[in-house]
Amino acid sequence: MPAKDIYHDNVKNALTKDGWKITHDPYSISVEFRSVFVDFGAERVLAAEKAEEKIAIEVKSFRSASDIADFEQALGQYAFYRSLIARTEPERKLFLAIPIDAYETTFQEPIIQPALQDLSVTLFVYDPGKEIIVLWIP
C-alpha cells in the first residue's frame, strides 16, 4: 500500500465537515491479482433526491521541486484510476484533490489547460490549513 500524501488527513477532515461519510481509506481497486489504491472512497445521501452519491478522491500536495512533474504524475494516476473505476464501479466519480495554492498557480497555466479539458479532469480544491473544500469542478 502506498504512503499517504502529507495532506491526507486534512482532506479527510474537509470531506467529513462537508457531510461526506468516508467509506474507504484507502479505496482499493482490484483486477485479477493486482490492486491499486485511491486515497478515499466517500458517500453521502442527497436528501432532496433520496439518492446516494459516491466519489473517490486521489489527494495530491504539489510540493516537489517541479509542479509540472507533479502534474504529470497526478494526471497519469487520475487517468489510470478513472479507467479502472469506470469498469469496476461506474456509479462512483473520481476527483483529483489539489491544494488551493496549486489550483491558483499551476492549474491556471496555459500549458496545463489542454490536458484538463481533453481528459475532462474533475477537481476537488481544498485548503489544507483550514481543512475545508474550496471548490468542486465536476
N, C-alpha and C. Protein backbone atom coordinates (compact mmCIF):
# COMPACT_ATOMS: atom_id res chain seq x y z
N MET A 1 0.85 -1.17 0.00
CA MET A 1 0.00 0.00 0.00
C MET A 1 0.90 1.24 0.00
N PRO A 2 0.58 2.24 -0.86
CA PRO A 2 1.43 3.43 -0.94
C PRO A 2 1.32 4.31 0.31
N ALA A 3 2.32 5.15 0.48
CA ALA A 3 2.32 6.08 1.61
C ALA A 3 1.24 7.14 1.41
N LYS A 4 0.71 7.64 2.50
CA LYS A 4 -0.31 8.68 2.44
C LYS A 4 0.32 10.02 2.08
N ASP A 5 -0.41 10.83 1.32
CA ASP A 5 0.01 12.18 0.99
C ASP A 5 0.06 13.01 2.28
N ILE A 6 0.89 14.04 2.30
CA ILE A 6 1.01 14.85 3.53
C ILE A 6 -0.31 15.52 3.91
N TYR A 7 -1.20 15.72 2.94
CA TYR A 7 -2.49 16.37 3.24
C TYR A 7 -3.64 15.37 3.35
N HIS A 8 -3.32 14.11 3.45
CA HIS A 8 -4.35 13.06 3.53
C HIS A 8 -5.39 13.35 4.61
N ASP A 9 -4.92 13.57 5.82
CA ASP A 9 -5.86 13.79 6.94
C ASP A 9 -6.60 15.12 6.81
N ASN A 10 -5.95 16.14 6.23
CA ASN A 10 -6.61 17.43 6.03
C ASN A 10 -7.80 17.27 5.09
N VAL A 11 -7.60 16.52 4.01
CA VAL A 11 -8.68 16.29 3.05
C VAL A 11 -9.78 15.44 3.67
N LYS A 12 -9.39 14.44 4.42
CA LYS A 12 -10.37 13.59 5.10
C LYS A 12 -11.24 14.43 6.03
N ASN A 13 -10.63 15.34 6.78
CA ASN A 13 -11.39 16.22 7.68
C ASN A 13 -12.30 17.16 6.89
N ALA A 14 -11.82 17.67 5.77
CA ALA A 14 -12.64 18.56 4.94
C ALA A 14 -13.86 17.82 4.39
N LEU A 15 -13.68 16.60 3.96
CA LEU A 15 -14.81 15.81 3.46
C LEU A 15 -15.84 15.56 4.56
N THR A 16 -15.36 15.20 5.73
CA THR A 16 -16.26 14.94 6.85
C THR A 16 -17.04 16.20 7.23
N LYS A 17 -16.36 17.34 7.29
CA LYS A 17 -17.03 18.61 7.59
C LYS A 17 -18.11 18.93 6.57
N ASP A 18 -17.90 18.50 5.33
CA ASP A 18 -18.84 18.79 4.25
C ASP A 18 -19.98 17.77 4.17
N GLY A 19 -20.03 16.85 5.11
CA GLY A 19 -21.14 15.91 5.16
C GLY A 19 -20.91 14.57 4.48
N TRP A 20 -19.67 14.31 4.08
CA TRP A 20 -19.36 13.04 3.44
C TRP A 20 -19.02 11.99 4.48
N LYS A 21 -19.41 10.76 4.22
CA LYS A 21 -19.04 9.63 5.06
C LYS A 21 -17.89 8.91 4.36
N ILE A 22 -16.76 8.82 5.02
CA ILE A 22 -15.61 8.10 4.45
C ILE A 22 -15.92 6.61 4.54
N THR A 23 -15.99 5.97 3.40
CA THR A 23 -16.32 4.55 3.35
C THR A 23 -15.10 3.66 3.11
N HIS A 24 -14.06 4.26 2.53
CA HIS A 24 -12.84 3.51 2.23
C HIS A 24 -11.63 4.42 2.47
N ASP A 25 -10.65 3.92 3.20
CA ASP A 25 -9.41 4.67 3.44
C ASP A 25 -8.25 3.68 3.55
N PRO A 26 -7.72 3.28 2.42
CA PRO A 26 -7.91 3.74 1.06
C PRO A 26 -9.03 2.97 0.34
N TYR A 27 -9.37 3.46 -0.84
CA TYR A 27 -10.33 2.81 -1.72
C TYR A 27 -9.52 1.94 -2.68
N SER A 28 -9.67 0.63 -2.58
CA SER A 28 -8.86 -0.26 -3.42
C SER A 28 -9.64 -0.71 -4.64
N ILE A 29 -8.91 -0.84 -5.72
CA ILE A 29 -9.48 -1.34 -6.98
C ILE A 29 -8.64 -2.55 -7.35
N SER A 30 -9.31 -3.68 -7.52
CA SER A 30 -8.59 -4.91 -7.85
C SER A 30 -9.05 -5.46 -9.19
N VAL A 31 -8.09 -5.90 -9.96
CA VAL A 31 -8.36 -6.58 -11.22
C VAL A 31 -7.46 -7.81 -11.22
N GLU A 32 -8.10 -8.96 -11.23
CA GLU A 32 -7.41 -10.24 -11.10
C GLU A 32 -6.54 -10.24 -9.85
N PHE A 33 -5.22 -10.33 -10.01
CA PHE A 33 -4.35 -10.47 -8.84
C PHE A 33 -3.64 -9.18 -8.45
N ARG A 34 -4.02 -8.05 -9.06
CA ARG A 34 -3.34 -6.78 -8.78
C ARG A 34 -4.35 -5.78 -8.23
N SER A 35 -3.83 -4.91 -7.37
CA SER A 35 -4.67 -3.86 -6.78
C SER A 35 -3.95 -2.53 -6.83
N VAL A 36 -4.74 -1.47 -6.93
CA VAL A 36 -4.24 -0.10 -6.78
C VAL A 36 -5.08 0.56 -5.71
N PHE A 37 -4.56 1.65 -5.16
CA PHE A 37 -5.22 2.28 -4.03
C PHE A 37 -5.41 3.78 -4.27
N VAL A 38 -6.67 4.19 -4.33
CA VAL A 38 -7.04 5.60 -4.39
C VAL A 38 -7.17 6.04 -2.94
N ASP A 39 -6.87 7.29 -2.63
CA ASP A 39 -6.83 7.72 -1.23
C ASP A 39 -8.13 7.48 -0.46
N PHE A 40 -9.28 7.88 -1.04
CA PHE A 40 -10.55 7.75 -0.31
C PHE A 40 -11.68 7.29 -1.21
N GLY A 41 -12.62 6.64 -0.58
CA GLY A 41 -13.95 6.44 -1.14
C GLY A 41 -14.89 7.12 -0.16
N ALA A 42 -15.88 7.82 -0.66
CA ALA A 42 -16.82 8.51 0.24
C ALA A 42 -18.21 8.48 -0.38
N GLU A 43 -19.20 8.62 0.49
CA GLU A 43 -20.59 8.63 0.05
C GLU A 43 -21.36 9.64 0.87
N ARG A 44 -22.45 10.12 0.27
CA ARG A 44 -23.41 10.92 1.03
C ARG A 44 -24.76 10.77 0.39
N VAL A 45 -25.78 10.89 1.19
CA VAL A 45 -27.15 10.79 0.71
C VAL A 45 -27.61 12.19 0.33
N LEU A 46 -28.15 12.31 -0.86
CA LEU A 46 -28.71 13.57 -1.32
C LEU A 46 -30.18 13.58 -0.91
N ALA A 47 -30.49 14.33 0.13
CA ALA A 47 -31.81 14.30 0.74
C ALA A 47 -32.93 14.62 -0.25
N ALA A 48 -32.76 15.64 -1.05
CA ALA A 48 -33.82 16.05 -1.97
C ALA A 48 -34.12 14.95 -3.00
N GLU A 49 -33.10 14.22 -3.41
CA GLU A 49 -33.28 13.20 -4.43
C GLU A 49 -33.41 11.80 -3.84
N LYS A 50 -33.12 11.67 -2.54
CA LYS A 50 -33.09 10.38 -1.88
C LYS A 50 -32.21 9.39 -2.65
N ALA A 51 -31.12 9.91 -3.14
CA ALA A 51 -30.17 9.10 -3.88
C ALA A 51 -28.83 9.17 -3.18
N GLU A 52 -27.97 8.25 -3.51
CA GLU A 52 -26.65 8.21 -2.90
C GLU A 52 -25.61 8.65 -3.92
N GLU A 53 -24.71 9.51 -3.52
CA GLU A 53 -23.62 9.97 -4.37
C GLU A 53 -22.35 9.30 -3.88
N LYS A 54 -21.60 8.71 -4.80
CA LYS A 54 -20.36 8.02 -4.46
C LYS A 54 -19.21 8.67 -5.20
N ILE A 55 -18.14 8.91 -4.46
CA ILE A 55 -16.95 9.51 -5.06
C ILE A 55 -15.70 8.75 -4.61
N ALA A 56 -14.64 8.97 -5.35
CA ALA A 56 -13.30 8.53 -4.96
C ALA A 56 -12.43 9.76 -5.09
N ILE A 57 -11.50 9.93 -4.16
CA ILE A 57 -10.64 11.11 -4.13
C ILE A 57 -9.18 10.68 -4.14
N GLU A 58 -8.43 11.19 -5.10
CA GLU A 58 -6.98 10.99 -5.12
C GLU A 58 -6.34 12.31 -4.69
N VAL A 59 -5.66 12.30 -3.54
CA VAL A 59 -5.09 13.51 -2.93
C VAL A 59 -3.67 13.75 -3.44
N LYS A 60 -3.42 14.98 -3.83
CA LYS A 60 -2.08 15.40 -4.23
C LYS A 60 -1.72 16.69 -3.51
N SER A 61 -0.41 16.85 -3.21
CA SER A 61 0.04 18.02 -2.46
C SER A 61 0.76 19.05 -3.32
N PHE A 62 1.36 18.63 -4.43
CA PHE A 62 2.12 19.52 -5.31
C PHE A 62 3.21 20.26 -4.52
N ARG A 63 4.07 19.48 -3.87
CA ARG A 63 5.12 20.04 -3.04
C ARG A 63 6.54 19.73 -3.52
N SER A 64 6.69 19.08 -4.66
CA SER A 64 8.05 18.77 -5.11
C SER A 64 8.67 19.97 -5.81
N ALA A 65 9.89 19.82 -6.26
CA ALA A 65 10.60 20.93 -6.91
C ALA A 65 9.99 21.30 -8.26
N SER A 66 9.28 20.38 -8.90
CA SER A 66 8.69 20.64 -10.21
C SER A 66 7.19 20.44 -10.19
N ASP A 67 6.45 21.54 -10.30
CA ASP A 67 4.99 21.41 -10.33
C ASP A 67 4.50 20.72 -11.60
N ILE A 68 5.25 20.86 -12.70
CA ILE A 68 4.86 20.17 -13.94
C ILE A 68 5.04 18.66 -13.78
N ALA A 69 6.13 18.24 -13.17
CA ALA A 69 6.33 16.80 -12.91
C ALA A 69 5.24 16.28 -11.98
N ASP A 70 4.88 17.06 -10.96
CA ASP A 70 3.78 16.67 -10.07
C ASP A 70 2.49 16.50 -10.87
N PHE A 71 2.24 17.44 -11.78
CA PHE A 71 1.03 17.38 -12.59
C PHE A 71 1.03 16.15 -13.49
N GLU A 72 2.16 15.87 -14.12
CA GLU A 72 2.26 14.70 -15.00
C GLU A 72 1.96 13.41 -14.23
N GLN A 73 2.53 13.30 -13.05
CA GLN A 73 2.30 12.10 -12.24
C GLN A 73 0.84 12.02 -11.80
N ALA A 74 0.30 13.14 -11.33
CA ALA A 74 -1.09 13.16 -10.87
C ALA A 74 -2.04 12.82 -12.00
N LEU A 75 -1.80 13.38 -13.17
CA LEU A 75 -2.67 13.14 -14.32
C LEU A 75 -2.62 11.67 -14.75
N GLY A 76 -1.44 11.09 -14.72
CA GLY A 76 -1.32 9.67 -15.06
C GLY A 76 -2.10 8.79 -14.09
N GLN A 77 -1.95 9.04 -12.80
CA GLN A 77 -2.70 8.27 -11.81
C GLN A 77 -4.20 8.48 -11.99
N TYR A 78 -4.60 9.74 -12.19
CA TYR A 78 -6.01 10.05 -12.36
C TYR A 78 -6.60 9.28 -13.54
N ALA A 79 -5.95 9.33 -14.68
CA ALA A 79 -6.45 8.65 -15.88
C ALA A 79 -6.52 7.13 -15.65
N PHE A 80 -5.51 6.58 -15.02
CA PHE A 80 -5.46 5.15 -14.74
C PHE A 80 -6.61 4.74 -13.80
N TYR A 81 -6.75 5.46 -12.69
CA TYR A 81 -7.79 5.13 -11.72
C TYR A 81 -9.18 5.32 -12.30
N ARG A 82 -9.38 6.40 -13.06
CA ARG A 82 -10.70 6.65 -13.64
C ARG A 82 -11.09 5.53 -14.60
N SER A 83 -10.13 5.04 -15.37
CA SER A 83 -10.40 3.94 -16.29
C SER A 83 -10.82 2.68 -15.52
N LEU A 84 -10.13 2.39 -14.44
CA LEU A 84 -10.47 1.20 -13.64
C LEU A 84 -11.82 1.35 -12.94
N ILE A 85 -12.08 2.52 -12.38
CA ILE A 85 -13.36 2.76 -11.70
C ILE A 85 -14.52 2.65 -12.68
N ALA A 86 -14.34 3.14 -13.89
CA ALA A 86 -15.40 3.05 -14.91
C ALA A 86 -15.78 1.60 -15.19
N ARG A 87 -14.84 0.69 -15.02
CA ARG A 87 -15.10 -0.72 -15.29
C ARG A 87 -15.57 -1.49 -14.05
N THR A 88 -15.18 -1.05 -12.88
CA THR A 88 -15.49 -1.81 -11.66
C THR A 88 -16.64 -1.22 -10.84
N GLU A 89 -16.80 0.09 -10.87
CA GLU A 89 -17.87 0.74 -10.09
C GLU A 89 -18.26 2.05 -10.80
N PRO A 90 -18.91 1.93 -11.95
CA PRO A 90 -19.16 3.11 -12.80
C PRO A 90 -20.00 4.22 -12.17
N GLU A 91 -20.73 3.91 -11.13
CA GLU A 91 -21.51 4.96 -10.47
C GLU A 91 -20.66 5.86 -9.56
N ARG A 92 -19.41 5.49 -9.33
CA ARG A 92 -18.52 6.27 -8.47
C ARG A 92 -17.73 7.25 -9.35
N LYS A 93 -17.67 8.52 -8.93
CA LYS A 93 -16.96 9.55 -9.69
C LYS A 93 -15.64 9.87 -9.01
N LEU A 94 -14.58 9.91 -9.82
CA LEU A 94 -13.25 10.19 -9.30
C LEU A 94 -12.93 11.68 -9.37
N PHE A 95 -12.34 12.20 -8.29
CA PHE A 95 -11.87 13.58 -8.23
C PHE A 95 -10.39 13.60 -7.90
N LEU A 96 -9.67 14.52 -8.51
CA LEU A 96 -8.29 14.79 -8.17
C LEU A 96 -8.29 15.93 -7.17
N ALA A 97 -7.84 15.67 -5.94
CA ALA A 97 -7.83 16.68 -4.89
C ALA A 97 -6.50 17.43 -4.91
N ILE A 98 -6.59 18.75 -5.05
CA ILE A 98 -5.39 19.58 -5.11
C ILE A 98 -5.52 20.75 -4.14
N PRO A 99 -4.41 21.20 -3.56
CA PRO A 99 -4.47 22.35 -2.65
C PRO A 99 -4.76 23.65 -3.42
N ILE A 100 -5.37 24.59 -2.74
CA ILE A 100 -5.76 25.85 -3.35
C ILE A 100 -4.59 26.57 -3.99
N ASP A 101 -3.41 26.53 -3.39
CA ASP A 101 -2.28 27.24 -3.99
C ASP A 101 -1.88 26.63 -5.34
N ALA A 102 -1.95 25.31 -5.49
CA ALA A 102 -1.66 24.68 -6.78
C ALA A 102 -2.74 25.03 -7.80
N TYR A 103 -3.99 25.09 -7.35
CA TYR A 103 -5.08 25.46 -8.26
C TYR A 103 -4.90 26.88 -8.79
N GLU A 104 -4.50 27.79 -7.90
CA GLU A 104 -4.37 29.20 -8.29
C GLU A 104 -3.12 29.48 -9.12
N THR A 105 -2.17 28.58 -9.11
CA THR A 105 -0.93 28.80 -9.88
C THR A 105 -0.82 27.78 -11.01
N THR A 106 -0.34 26.61 -10.70
CA THR A 106 -0.08 25.57 -11.71
C THR A 106 -1.30 25.28 -12.59
N PHE A 107 -2.44 25.12 -11.98
CA PHE A 107 -3.63 24.70 -12.73
C PHE A 107 -4.24 25.82 -13.58
N GLN A 108 -3.70 27.03 -13.48
CA GLN A 108 -4.15 28.13 -14.32
C GLN A 108 -3.21 28.36 -15.51
N GLU A 109 -2.11 27.66 -15.54
CA GLU A 109 -1.13 27.85 -16.61
C GLU A 109 -1.66 27.33 -17.94
N PRO A 110 -1.40 28.06 -19.03
CA PRO A 110 -1.87 27.64 -20.35
C PRO A 110 -1.40 26.25 -20.78
N ILE A 111 -0.23 25.83 -20.33
CA ILE A 111 0.26 24.51 -20.72
C ILE A 111 -0.54 23.38 -20.07
N ILE A 112 -1.19 23.64 -18.96
CA ILE A 112 -1.97 22.65 -18.22
C ILE A 112 -3.40 22.51 -18.77
N GLN A 113 -3.96 23.60 -19.25
CA GLN A 113 -5.37 23.64 -19.63
C GLN A 113 -5.79 22.59 -20.67
N PRO A 114 -5.03 22.38 -21.75
CA PRO A 114 -5.48 21.37 -22.72
C PRO A 114 -5.68 19.98 -22.12
N ALA A 115 -4.77 19.55 -21.26
CA ALA A 115 -4.90 18.22 -20.65
C ALA A 115 -6.12 18.16 -19.74
N LEU A 116 -6.35 19.20 -18.95
CA LEU A 116 -7.53 19.22 -18.07
C LEU A 116 -8.82 19.13 -18.89
N GLN A 117 -8.87 19.88 -19.98
CA GLN A 117 -10.07 19.90 -20.82
C GLN A 117 -10.22 18.60 -21.61
N ASP A 118 -9.15 18.16 -22.27
CA ASP A 118 -9.24 16.97 -23.12
C ASP A 118 -9.59 15.72 -22.32
N LEU A 119 -9.08 15.63 -21.10
CA LEU A 119 -9.33 14.45 -20.27
C LEU A 119 -10.50 14.63 -19.31
N SER A 120 -11.16 15.80 -19.37
CA SER A 120 -12.32 16.09 -18.50
C SER A 120 -12.00 15.78 -17.04
N VAL A 121 -10.91 16.35 -16.55
CA VAL A 121 -10.46 16.09 -15.19
C VAL A 121 -11.41 16.78 -14.20
N THR A 122 -11.90 16.02 -13.25
CA THR A 122 -12.75 16.56 -12.20
C THR A 122 -11.87 16.87 -10.99
N LEU A 123 -12.00 18.10 -10.49
CA LEU A 123 -11.12 18.57 -9.42
C LEU A 123 -11.88 18.82 -8.13
N PHE A 124 -11.16 18.63 -7.06
CA PHE A 124 -11.60 18.91 -5.70
C PHE A 124 -10.50 19.80 -5.14
N VAL A 125 -10.81 21.07 -4.92
CA VAL A 125 -9.80 22.03 -4.45
C VAL A 125 -10.01 22.22 -2.95
N TYR A 126 -8.93 22.06 -2.19
CA TYR A 126 -9.04 22.14 -0.74
C TYR A 126 -8.03 23.14 -0.16
N ASP A 127 -8.36 23.62 1.02
CA ASP A 127 -7.45 24.48 1.79
C ASP A 127 -6.90 23.61 2.92
N PRO A 128 -5.63 23.21 2.85
CA PRO A 128 -5.10 22.29 3.85
C PRO A 128 -5.04 22.88 5.25
N GLY A 129 -4.83 24.18 5.36
CA GLY A 129 -4.74 24.80 6.69
C GLY A 129 -6.09 24.87 7.39
N LYS A 130 -7.11 25.25 6.64
CA LYS A 130 -8.47 25.38 7.20
C LYS A 130 -9.24 24.06 7.17
N GLU A 131 -8.70 23.08 6.43
CA GLU A 131 -9.35 21.78 6.26
C GLU A 131 -10.77 21.95 5.76
N ILE A 132 -10.89 22.69 4.66
CA ILE A 132 -12.18 22.90 4.02
C ILE A 132 -12.07 22.66 2.52
N ILE A 133 -13.23 22.36 1.94
CA ILE A 133 -13.34 22.24 0.49
C ILE A 133 -13.58 23.63 -0.05
N VAL A 134 -12.75 24.08 -0.98
CA VAL A 134 -12.88 25.41 -1.56
C VAL A 134 -13.74 25.37 -2.81
N LEU A 135 -13.58 24.31 -3.61
CA LEU A 135 -14.22 24.29 -4.91
C LEU A 135 -14.31 22.86 -5.44
N TRP A 136 -15.45 22.54 -6.02
CA TRP A 136 -15.62 21.29 -6.77
C TRP A 136 -15.69 21.67 -8.23
N ILE A 137 -14.96 21.01 -9.08
CA ILE A 137 -15.04 21.24 -10.53
C ILE A 137 -15.38 19.89 -11.17
N PRO A 138 -16.67 19.67 -11.37
CA PRO A 138 -17.12 18.36 -11.89
C PRO A 138 -16.82 18.16 -13.37
